[in-house]
């Protein structure tokens, strides 16, 4: 997988953003991320926190769309701020 390291070095990337992450195996992303030598963040368009968490590890980070829903609801739709608290509670307990 030296090609990704070569690409990062050639263009002096300091991080990689990866769209459509779930369409490639997690094993590939783990190898890809390590070989790249830079921070890799994946995009998994889903709001199920437990599903999203399965990509944390193969990649250094993922975009947290589940948290976005809680924040958007509280700040833009007038839902209670406790929805944000519930998001974190659900993440820990379940």
Protein backbone atom coordinates (compact mmCIF):
# COMPACT_ATOMS: atom_id res chain seq x y z
CA UNK A 1 0.00 0.00 0.00
CA UNK A 2 2.95 2.29 -0.63
CA UNK A 3 0.97 4.18 -3.26
CA UNK A 4 -0.99 6.16 -0.66
CA UNK A 5 2.15 7.12 1.23
CA UNK A 6 3.74 8.24 -2.07
CA UNK A 7 0.65 10.30 -2.93
CA UNK A 8 0.63 11.98 0.50
CA UNK A 9 4.34 12.80 0.21
CA UNK A 10 4.12 14.03 -3.38
CA UNK A 11 1.33 16.50 -2.65
CA UNK A 12 2.33 17.26 0.95
CA UNK A 13 -1.07 16.33 2.42
CA UNK A 14 -1.38 16.63 6.18
CA UNK A 15 -4.70 14.75 6.38
CA UNK A 16 -7.12 12.78 4.23
CA UNK A 17 -10.90 13.07 4.15
CA UNK A 18 -12.55 9.92 2.92
CA UNK A 19 -16.09 10.02 1.54
CA UNK A 20 -18.28 6.96 1.04
CA UNK A 21 -16.32 5.12 3.73
CA UNK A 22 -18.80 2.26 4.31
CA UNK A 23 -18.51 1.06 0.73
CA UNK A 24 -15.01 -0.30 1.35
CA UNK A 25 -14.08 -2.85 4.03
CA UNK A 26 -12.92 -1.70 7.46
CA UNK A 27 -9.83 -3.89 7.09
CA UNK A 28 -8.82 -1.89 4.03
CA UNK A 29 -9.29 1.41 5.86
CA UNK A 30 -7.13 0.27 8.77
CA UNK A 31 -4.29 -0.63 6.41
CA UNK A 32 -4.83 2.48 4.27
CA UNK A 33 -4.82 4.80 7.26
CA UNK A 34 -1.66 3.34 8.71
CA UNK A 35 0.13 3.35 5.37
CA UNK A 36 -0.79 6.97 4.61
CA UNK A 37 1.06 8.30 7.62
CA UNK A 38 -1.42 11.16 8.09
CA UNK A 39 -4.69 11.78 9.93
CA UNK A 40 -7.64 10.14 8.17
CA UNK A 41 -11.26 11.12 8.76
CA UNK A 42 -14.08 9.13 7.21
CA UNK A 43 -17.60 10.10 6.24
CA UNK A 44 -20.25 7.58 7.20
CA UNK A 45 -23.63 9.11 6.46
CA UNK A 46 -25.62 7.50 9.26
CA UNK A 47 -27.07 8.63 12.56
CA UNK A 48 -26.72 5.32 14.44
CA UNK A 49 -23.94 6.03 16.90
CA UNK A 50 -23.10 2.37 17.43
CA UNK A 51 -22.74 1.78 13.69
CA UNK A 52 -20.59 4.90 13.35
CA UNK A 53 -18.34 3.69 16.16
CA UNK A 54 -17.36 0.60 14.17
CA UNK A 55 -15.31 2.86 11.90
CA UNK A 56 -13.45 4.46 14.82
CA UNK A 57 -10.27 2.43 14.92
CA UNK A 58 -9.88 1.55 11.28
CA UNK A 59 -9.77 5.34 10.79
CA UNK A 60 -8.59 7.93 13.30
CA UNK A 61 -11.91 9.72 13.19
CA UNK A 62 -15.31 9.91 11.56
CA UNK A 63 -17.83 12.70 11.12
CA UNK A 64 -20.36 12.39 13.92
CA UNK A 65 -23.69 12.77 12.13
CA UNK A 66 -25.52 11.35 15.16
CA UNK A 67 -24.39 14.30 17.29
CA UNK A 68 -25.35 16.66 14.49
CA UNK A 69 -28.98 15.52 14.77
CA UNK A 70 -29.06 16.21 18.50
CA UNK A 71 -27.45 19.64 18.09
CA UNK A 72 -29.63 20.61 15.15
CA UNK A 73 -32.76 19.59 17.01
CA UNK A 74 -31.88 21.64 20.07
CA UNK A 75 -30.51 24.75 18.38
CA UNK A 76 -32.56 24.95 15.19
CA UNK A 77 -35.82 23.13 15.90
CA UNK A 78 -36.44 24.16 19.50
CA UNK A 79 -36.20 20.66 20.93
CA UNK A 80 -35.02 20.38 24.54
CA UNK A 81 -31.31 20.71 25.30
CA UNK A 82 -31.59 17.45 27.21
CA UNK A 83 -31.61 15.71 23.80
CA UNK A 84 -27.87 16.45 23.65
CA UNK A 85 -27.40 14.98 27.12
CA UNK A 86 -29.47 11.96 26.10
CA UNK A 87 -27.25 11.46 23.06
CA UNK A 88 -24.18 11.11 25.27
CA UNK A 89 -26.00 9.01 27.85
CA UNK A 90 -27.20 6.60 25.16
CA UNK A 91 -23.68 6.38 23.78
CA UNK A 92 -22.27 5.31 27.13
CA UNK A 93 -25.06 3.09 28.43
CA UNK A 94 -26.09 1.15 25.33
